[in-house]
Amino acid sequence: MPIYEYHCPTCSNRFEKLQPMNSTGADCPRCEQPAKRALSVFASITAGGSSSSEDFAQAPPPPVRGGGCCGGGCFH
């Protein structure tokens, strides 16, 4: 189950809640009013151990595809 972040427009409380993906919302634990789901920022950690920006410079560029009839997906 994912952890969702919420913001309460009534009391400005921000909180997190562990919920199933098909949940429809959450009530604020402070004022018990309906809260709105907030956009979350997440961190990504790779198995390489290094987190420097130099790692990205060494990666090969993505392949370039033509426009074609399917935006390049069908290789026409």
PDB file of N, CA and C in Angstrom:
ATOM      1  N   MET A   1       0.846  -1.186   0.000  1.00  0.00           N
ATOM      2  CA  MET A   1       0.000   0.000   0.000  1.00  0.00           C
ATOM      3  C   MET A   1       0.887   1.243   0.000  1.00  0.00           C
ATOM      4  N   PRO A   2       0.543   2.215  -0.823  1.00  0.00           N
ATOM      5  CA  PRO A   2       1.326   3.453  -0.882  1.00  0.00           C
ATOM      6  C   PRO A   2       0.962   4.415   0.250  1.00  0.00           C
ATOM      7  N   ILE A   3       1.900   5.301   0.530  1.00  0.00           N
ATOM      8  CA  ILE A   3       1.659   6.377   1.494  1.00  0.00           C
ATOM      9  C   ILE A   3       1.313   7.623   0.681  1.00  0.00           C
ATOM     10  N   TYR A   4       0.165   8.211   0.969  1.00  0.00           N
ATOM     11  CA  TYR A   4      -0.275   9.416   0.283  1.00  0.00           C
ATOM     12  C   TYR A   4      -0.130  10.620   1.205  1.00  0.00           C
ATOM     13  N   GLU A   5       0.199  11.763   0.622  1.00  0.00           N
ATOM     14  CA  GLU A   5       0.280  13.016   1.371  1.00  0.00           C
ATOM     15  C   GLU A   5      -1.010  13.792   1.145  1.00  0.00           C
ATOM     16  N   TYR A   6      -1.495  14.420   2.204  1.00  0.00           N
ATOM     17  CA  TYR A   6      -2.732  15.188   2.142  1.00  0.00           C
ATOM     18  C   TYR A   6      -2.521  16.572   2.730  1.00  0.00           C
ATOM     19  N   HIS A   7      -3.355  17.509   2.281  1.00  0.00           N
ATOM     20  CA  HIS A   7      -3.367  18.864   2.810  1.00  0.00           C
ATOM     21  C   HIS A   7      -4.812  19.206   3.120  1.00  0.00           C
ATOM     22  N   CYS A   8      -5.067  19.687   4.337  1.00  0.00           N
ATOM     23  CA  CYS A   8      -6.411  20.060   4.740  1.00  0.00           C
ATOM     24  C   CYS A   8      -6.623  21.542   4.441  1.00  0.00           C
ATOM     25  N   PRO A   9      -7.585  21.888   3.580  1.00  0.00           N
ATOM     26  CA  PRO A   9      -7.830  23.300   3.279  1.00  0.00           C
ATOM     27  C   PRO A   9      -8.482  24.045   4.445  1.00  0.00           C
ATOM     28  N   THR A  10      -9.074  23.333   5.385  1.00  0.00           N
ATOM     29  CA  THR A  10      -9.743  23.974   6.521  1.00  0.00           C
ATOM     30  C   THR A  10      -8.747  24.467   7.565  1.00  0.00           C
ATOM     31  N   CYS A  11      -7.819  23.583   7.981  1.00  0.00           N
ATOM     32  CA  CYS A  11      -6.889  23.964   9.054  1.00  0.00           C
ATOM     33  C   CYS A  11      -5.425  24.003   8.610  1.00  0.00           C
ATOM     34  N   SER A  12      -5.149  23.803   7.315  1.00  0.00           N
ATOM     35  CA  SER A  12      -3.798  23.832   6.726  1.00  0.00           C
ATOM     36  C   SER A  12      -2.875  22.741   7.257  1.00  0.00           C
ATOM     37  N   ASN A  13      -3.425  21.698   7.825  1.00  0.00           N
ATOM     38  CA  ASN A  13      -2.625  20.574   8.315  1.00  0.00           C
ATOM     39  C   ASN A  13      -2.159  19.737   7.133  1.00  0.00           C
ATOM     40  N   ARG A  14      -0.891  19.315   7.161  1.00  0.00           N
ATOM     41  CA  ARG A  14      -0.350  18.385   6.173  1.00  0.00           C
ATOM     42  C   ARG A  14      -0.069  17.082   6.896  1.00  0.00           C
ATOM     43  N   PHE A  15      -0.488  15.967   6.279  1.00  0.00           N
ATOM     44  CA  PHE A  15      -0.278  14.666   6.914  1.00  0.00           C
ATOM     45  C   PHE A  15      -0.147  13.594   5.848  1.00  0.00           C
ATOM     46  N   GLU A  16       0.351  12.435   6.260  1.00  0.00           N
ATOM     47  CA  GLU A  16       0.507  11.286   5.392  1.00  0.00           C
ATOM     48  C   GLU A  16      -0.399  10.174   5.884  1.00  0.00           C
ATOM     49  N   LYS A  17      -0.854   9.338   4.945  1.00  0.00           N
ATOM     50  CA  LYS A  17      -1.721   8.235   5.325  1.00  0.00           C
ATOM     51  C   LYS A  17      -1.449   7.048   4.407  1.00  0.00           C
ATOM     52  N   LEU A  18      -1.260   5.877   5.008  1.00  0.00           N
ATOM     53  CA  LEU A  18      -1.068   4.633   4.288  1.00  0.00           C
ATOM     54  C   LEU A  18      -2.445   4.128   3.867  1.00  0.00           C
ATOM     55  N   GLN A  19      -2.680   4.048   2.554  1.00  0.00           N
ATOM     56  CA  GLN A  19      -3.993   3.683   2.038  1.00  0.00           C
ATOM     57  C   GLN A  19      -3.867   2.801   0.813  1.00  0.00           C
ATOM     58  N   PRO A  20      -4.911   2.009   0.519  1.00  0.00           N
ATOM     59  CA  PRO A  20      -4.914   1.261  -0.738  1.00  0.00           C
ATOM     60  C   PRO A  20      -4.969   2.213  -1.930  1.00  0.00           C
ATOM     61  N   MET A  21      -4.523   1.747  -3.089  1.00  0.00           N
ATOM     62  CA  MET A  21      -4.481   2.601  -4.278  1.00  0.00           C
ATOM     63  C   MET A  21      -5.870   3.041  -4.729  1.00  0.00           C
ATOM     64  N   ASN A  22      -6.901   2.299  -4.405  1.00  0.00           N
ATOM     65  CA  ASN A  22      -8.246   2.652  -4.842  1.00  0.00           C
ATOM     66  C   ASN A  22      -9.002   3.498  -3.818  1.00  0.00           C
ATOM     67  N   SER A  23      -8.299   4.047  -2.836  1.00  0.00           N
ATOM     68  CA  SER A  23      -8.962   4.888  -1.831  1.00  0.00           C
ATOM     69  C   SER A  23      -9.455   6.184  -2.474  1.00  0.00           C
ATOM     70  N   THR A  24     -10.517   6.732  -1.922  1.00  0.00           N
ATOM     71  CA  THR A  24     -11.104   7.943  -2.509  1.00  0.00           C
ATOM     72  C   THR A  24     -10.701   9.218  -1.790  1.00  0.00           C
ATOM     73  N   GLY A  25     -10.062   9.159  -0.666  1.00  0.00           N
ATOM     74  CA  GLY A  25      -9.658  10.362   0.055  1.00  0.00           C
ATOM     75  C   GLY A  25      -9.410  10.063   1.521  1.00  0.00           C
ATOM     76  N   ALA A  26      -9.229  11.113   2.299  1.00  0.00           N
ATOM     77  CA  ALA A  26      -8.970  10.963   3.731  1.00  0.00           C
ATOM     78  C   ALA A  26      -9.488  12.186   4.465  1.00  0.00           C
ATOM     79  N   ASP A  27      -9.838  11.987   5.705  1.00  0.00           N
ATOM     80  CA  ASP A  27     -10.242  13.094   6.571  1.00  0.00           C
ATOM     81  C   ASP A  27      -9.049  13.544   7.390  1.00  0.00           C
ATOM     82  N   CYS A  28      -8.968  14.825   7.665  1.00  0.00           N
ATOM     83  CA  CYS A  28      -7.892  15.400   8.456  1.00  0.00           C
ATOM     84  C   CYS A  28      -7.959  14.862   9.886  1.00  0.00           C
ATOM     85  N   PRO A  29      -6.830  14.388  10.424  1.00  0.00           N
ATOM     86  CA  PRO A  29      -6.847  13.891  11.800  1.00  0.00           C
ATOM     87  C   PRO A  29      -6.997  15.011  12.834  1.00  0.00           C
ATOM     88  N   ARG A  30      -6.722  16.261  12.444  1.00  0.00           N
ATOM     89  CA  ARG A  30      -6.823  17.377  13.374  1.00  0.00           C
ATOM     90  C   ARG A  30      -8.256  17.919  13.468  1.00  0.00           C
ATOM     91  N   CYS A  31      -8.876  18.212  12.323  1.00  0.00           N
ATOM     92  CA  CYS A  31     -10.205  18.832  12.346  1.00  0.00           C
ATOM     93  C   CYS A  31     -11.312  17.924  11.793  1.00  0.00           C
ATOM     94  N   GLU A  32     -10.925  16.758  11.278  1.00  0.00           N
ATOM     95  CA  GLU A  32     -11.852  15.746  10.753  1.00  0.00           C
ATOM     96  C   GLU A  32     -12.648  16.207   9.533  1.00  0.00           C
ATOM     97  N   GLN A  33     -12.123  17.188   8.796  1.00  0.00           N
ATOM     98  CA  GLN A  33     -12.748  17.654   7.563  1.00  0.00           C
ATOM     99  C   GLN A  33     -12.068  16.946   6.377  1.00  0.00           C
ATOM    100  N   PRO A  34     -12.733  16.843   5.225  1.00  0.00           N
ATOM    101  CA  PRO A  34     -12.107  16.210   4.060  1.00  0.00           C
ATOM    102  C   PRO A  34     -10.835  16.951   3.632  1.00  0.00           C
ATOM    103  N   ALA A  35      -9.800  16.175   3.373  1.00  0.00           N
ATOM    104  CA  ALA A  35      -8.515  16.737   2.944  1.00  0.00           C
ATOM    105  C   ALA A  35      -8.301  16.431   1.465  1.00  0.00           C
ATOM    106  N   LYS A  36      -7.416  17.199   0.840  1.00  0.00           N
ATOM    107  CA  LYS A  36      -7.097  17.018  -0.574  1.00  0.00           C
ATOM    108  C   LYS A  36      -5.732  16.353  -0.689  1.00  0.00           C
ATOM    109  N   ARG A  37      -5.635  15.429  -1.634  1.00  0.00           N
ATOM    110  CA  ARG A  37      -4.362  14.748  -1.852  1.00  0.00           C
ATOM    111  C   ARG A  37      -3.358  15.746  -2.421  1.00  0.00           C
ATOM    112  N   ALA A  38      -2.162  15.768  -1.867  1.00  0.00           N
ATOM    113  CA  ALA A  38      -1.107  16.684  -2.304  1.00  0.00           C
ATOM    114  C   ALA A  38      -0.144  15.956  -3.233  1.00  0.00           C
ATOM    115  N   LEU A  39       0.522  16.712  -4.097  1.00  0.00           N
ATOM    116  CA  LEU A  39       1.559  16.134  -4.935  1.00  0.00           C
ATOM    117  C   LEU A  39       2.768  15.823  -4.077  1.00  0.00           C
ATOM    118  N   SER A  40       3.345  14.656  -4.278  1.00  0.00           N
ATOM    119  CA  SER A  40       4.469  14.210  -3.468  1.00  0.00           C
ATOM    120  C   SER A  40       5.765  14.315  -4.238  1.00  0.00           C
ATOM    121  N   VAL A  41       6.832  14.543  -3.528  1.00  0.00           N
ATOM    122  CA  VAL A  41       8.176  14.516  -4.080  1.00  0.00           C
ATOM    123  C   VAL A  41       8.836  13.271  -3.503  1.00  0.00           C
ATOM    124  N   PHE A  42       9.480  12.491  -4.356  1.00  0.00           N
ATOM    125  CA  PHE A  42      10.083  11.262  -3.869  1.00  0.00           C
ATOM    126  C   PHE A  42      11.566  11.240  -4.186  1.00  0.00           C
ATOM    127  N   ALA A  43      12.273  10.381  -3.487  1.00  0.00           N
ATOM    128  CA  ALA A  43      13.708  10.221  -3.701  1.00  0.00           C
ATOM    129  C   ALA A  43      13.948   8.882  -4.378  1.00  0.00           C
ATOM    130  N   SER A  44      14.965   8.833  -5.198  1.00  0.00           N
ATOM    131  CA  SER A  44      15.330   7.602  -5.879  1.00  0.00           C
ATOM    132  C   SER A  44      16.779   7.289  -5.548  1.00  0.00           C
ATOM    133  N   ILE A  45      17.017   6.072  -5.124  1.00  0.00           N
ATOM    134  CA  ILE A  45      18.370   5.643  -4.761  1.00  0.00           C
ATOM    135  C   ILE A  45      18.740   4.479  -5.657  1.00  0.00           C
ATOM    136  N   THR A  46      19.906   4.563  -6.304  1.00  0.00           N
ATOM    137  CA  THR A  46      20.344   3.489  -7.177  1.00  0.00           C
ATOM    138  C   THR A  46      21.254   2.539  -6.435  1.00  0.00           C
ATOM    139  N   ALA A  47      21.425   1.359  -6.961  1.00  0.00           N
ATOM    140  CA  ALA A  47      22.256   0.341  -6.325  1.00  0.00           C
ATOM    141  C   ALA A  47      23.739   0.616  -6.507  1.00  0.00           C
ATOM    142  N   GLY A  48      24.106   1.591  -7.358  1.00  0.00           N
ATOM    143  CA  GLY A  48      25.504   1.874  -7.632  1.00  0.00           C
ATOM    144  C   GLY A  48      26.257   2.475  -6.466  1.00  0.00           C
ATOM    145  N   GLY A  49      25.563   3.074  -5.526  1.00  0.00           N
ATOM    146  CA  GLY A  49      26.204   3.641  -4.359  1.00  0.00           C
ATOM    147  C   GLY A  49      26.551   5.109  -4.486  1.00  0.00           C
ATOM    148  N   SER A  50      26.810   5.585  -5.689  1.00  0.00           N
ATOM    149  CA  SER A  50      27.159   6.986  -5.888  1.00  0.00           C
ATOM    150  C   SER A  50      25.913   7.768  -6.246  1.00  0.00           C
ATOM    151  N   SER A  51      25.797   8.971  -5.711  1.00  0.00           N
ATOM    152  CA  SER A  51      24.631   9.794  -6.025  1.00  0.00           C
ATOM    153  C   SER A  51      25.033  11.109  -6.661  1.00  0.00           C
ATOM    154  N   SER A  52      26.213  11.144  -7.260  1.00  0.00           N
ATOM    155  CA  SER A  52      26.666  12.399  -7.854  1.00  0.00           C
ATOM    156  C   SER A  52      26.041  12.601  -9.223  1.00  0.00           C
ATOM    157  N   SER A  53      25.992  13.837  -9.661  1.00  0.00           N
ATOM    158  CA  SER A  53      25.418  14.151 -10.967  1.00  0.00           C
ATOM    159  C   SER A  53      26.324  13.675 -12.097  1.00  0.00           C
ATOM    160  N   GLU A  54      27.590  13.322 -11.797  1.00  0.00           N
ATOM    161  CA  GLU A  54      28.497  12.831 -12.829  1.00  0.00           C
ATOM    162  C   GLU A  54      28.016  11.508 -13.402  1.00  0.00           C
ATOM    163  N   ASP A  55      27.284  10.713 -12.612  1.00  0.00           N
ATOM    164  CA  ASP A  55      26.779   9.434 -13.088  1.00  0.00           C
ATOM    165  C   ASP A  55      25.836   9.623 -14.271  1.00  0.00           C
ATOM    166  N   PHE A  56      25.066  10.699 -14.264  1.00  0.00           N
ATOM    167  CA  PHE A  56      24.132  10.942 -15.338  1.00  0.00           C
ATOM    168  C   PHE A  56      24.850  11.352 -16.615  1.00  0.00           C
ATOM    169  N   ALA A  57      25.985  12.031 -16.502  1.00  0.00           N
ATOM    170  CA  ALA A  57      26.732  12.475 -17.671  1.00  0.00           C
ATOM    171  C   ALA A  57      27.348  11.289 -18.407  1.00  0.00           C
ATOM    172  N   GLN A  58      27.599  10.165 -17.738  1.00  0.00           N
ATOM    173  CA  GLN A  58      28.219   9.007 -18.351  1.00  0.00           C
ATOM    174  C   GLN A  58      27.203   8.103 -19.040  1.00  0.00           C
ATOM    175  N   ALA A  59      25.925   8.274 -18.774  1.00  0.00           N
ATOM    176  CA  ALA A  59      24.906   7.427 -19.376  1.00  0.00           C
ATOM    177  C   ALA A  59      24.760   7.767 -20.860  1.00  0.00           C
ATOM    178  N   PRO A  60      24.555   6.742 -21.706  1.00  0.00           N
ATOM    179  CA  PRO A  60      24.381   7.035 -23.130  1.00  0.00           C
ATOM    180  C   PRO A  60      23.052   7.729 -23.364  1.00  0.00           C
ATOM    181  N   PRO A  61      22.973   8.551 -24.413  1.00  0.00           N
ATOM    182  CA  PRO A  61      21.710   9.243 -24.689  1.00  0.00           C
ATOM    183  C   PRO A  61      20.657   8.241 -25.151  1.00  0.00           C
ATOM    184  N   PRO A  62      19.368   8.553 -24.967  1.00  0.00           N
ATOM    185  CA  PRO A  62      18.318   7.642 -25.431  1.00  0.00           C
ATOM    186  C   PRO A  62      18.287   7.600 -26.948  1.00  0.00           C
ATOM    187  N   PRO A  63      17.808   6.476 -27.530  1.00  0.00           N
ATOM    188  CA  PRO A  63      17.760   6.397 -28.988  1.00  0.00           C
ATOM    189  C   PRO A  63      16.788   7.419 -29.560  1.00  0.00           C
ATOM    190  N   VAL A  64      17.125   7.940 -30.753  1.00  0.00           N
ATOM    191  CA  VAL A  64      16.281   8.929 -31.410  1.00  0.00           C
ATOM    192  C   VAL A  64      15.414   8.197 -32.427  1.00  0.00           C
ATOM    193  N   ARG A  65      14.114   8.446 -32.355  1.00  0.00           N
ATOM    194  CA  ARG A  65      13.197   7.800 -33.288  1.00  0.00           C
ATOM    195  C   ARG A  65      12.570   8.863 -34.184  1.00  0.00           C
ATOM    196  N   GLY A  66      12.190   8.457 -35.367  1.00  0.00           N
ATOM    197  CA  GLY A  66      11.548   9.368 -36.294  1.00  0.00           C
ATOM    198  C   GLY A  66      10.103   9.624 -35.911  1.00  0.00           C
ATOM    199  N   GLY A  67       9.491  10.628 -36.510  1.00  0.00           N
ATOM    200  CA  GLY A  67       8.103  10.972 -36.216  1.00  0.00           C
ATOM    201  C   GLY A  67       7.138   9.893 -36.666  1.00  0.00           C
ATOM    202  N   GLY A  68       7.206   9.495 -37.937  1.00  0.00           N
ATOM    203  CA  GLY A  68       6.383   8.424 -38.460  1.00  0.00           C
ATOM    204  C   GLY A  68       4.908   8.597 -38.181  1.00  0.00           C
ATOM    205  N   CYS A  69       4.150   7.573 -38.492  1.00  0.00           N
ATOM    206  CA  CYS A  69       2.701   7.640 -38.319  1.00  0.00           C
ATOM    207  C   CYS A  69       2.286   7.453 -36.861  1.00  0.00           C
ATOM    208  N   CYS A  70       3.153   6.839 -36.071  1.00  0.00           N
ATOM    209  CA  CYS A  70       2.819   6.552 -34.663  1.00  0.00           C
ATOM    210  C   CYS A  70       3.717   7.297 -33.698  1.00  0.00           C
ATOM    211  N   GLY A  71       4.302   8.384 -34.116  1.00  0.00           N
ATOM    212  CA  GLY A  71       5.215   9.118 -33.246  1.00  0.00           C
ATOM    213  C   GLY A  71       6.527   8.392 -33.023  1.00  0.00           C
ATOM    214  N   GLY A  72       6.874   7.477 -33.927  1.00  0.00           N
ATOM    215  CA  GLY A  72       8.127   6.765 -33.818  1.00  0.00           C
ATOM    216  C   GLY A  72       7.990   5.386 -33.190  1.00  0.00           C
ATOM    217  N   GLY A  73       6.800   5.031 -32.716  1.00  0.00           N
ATOM    218  CA  GLY A  73       6.621   3.753 -32.050  1.00  0.00           C
ATOM    219  C   GLY A  73       6.590   2.556 -32.987  1.00  0.00           C
ATOM    220  N   CYS A  74       6.249   2.771 -34.275  1.00  0.00           N
ATOM    221  CA  CYS A  74       6.115   1.644 -35.199  1.00  0.00           C
ATOM    222  C   CYS A  74       7.305   1.526 -36.159  1.00  0.00           C
ATOM    223  N   PHE A  75       8.257   2.422 -36.081  1.00  0.00           N
ATOM    224  CA  PHE A  75       9.490   2.432 -36.890  1.00  0.00           C
ATOM    225  C   PHE A  75       9.207   2.532 -38.392  1.00  0.00           C
ATOM    226  N   HIS A  76       8.147   3.239 -38.805  1.00  0.00           N
ATOM    227  CA  HIS A  76       7.876   3.460 -40.230  1.00  0.00           C
ATOM    228  C   HIS A  76       8.676   4.617 -40.739  1.00  0.00           C
TER     229      HIS A  76
END
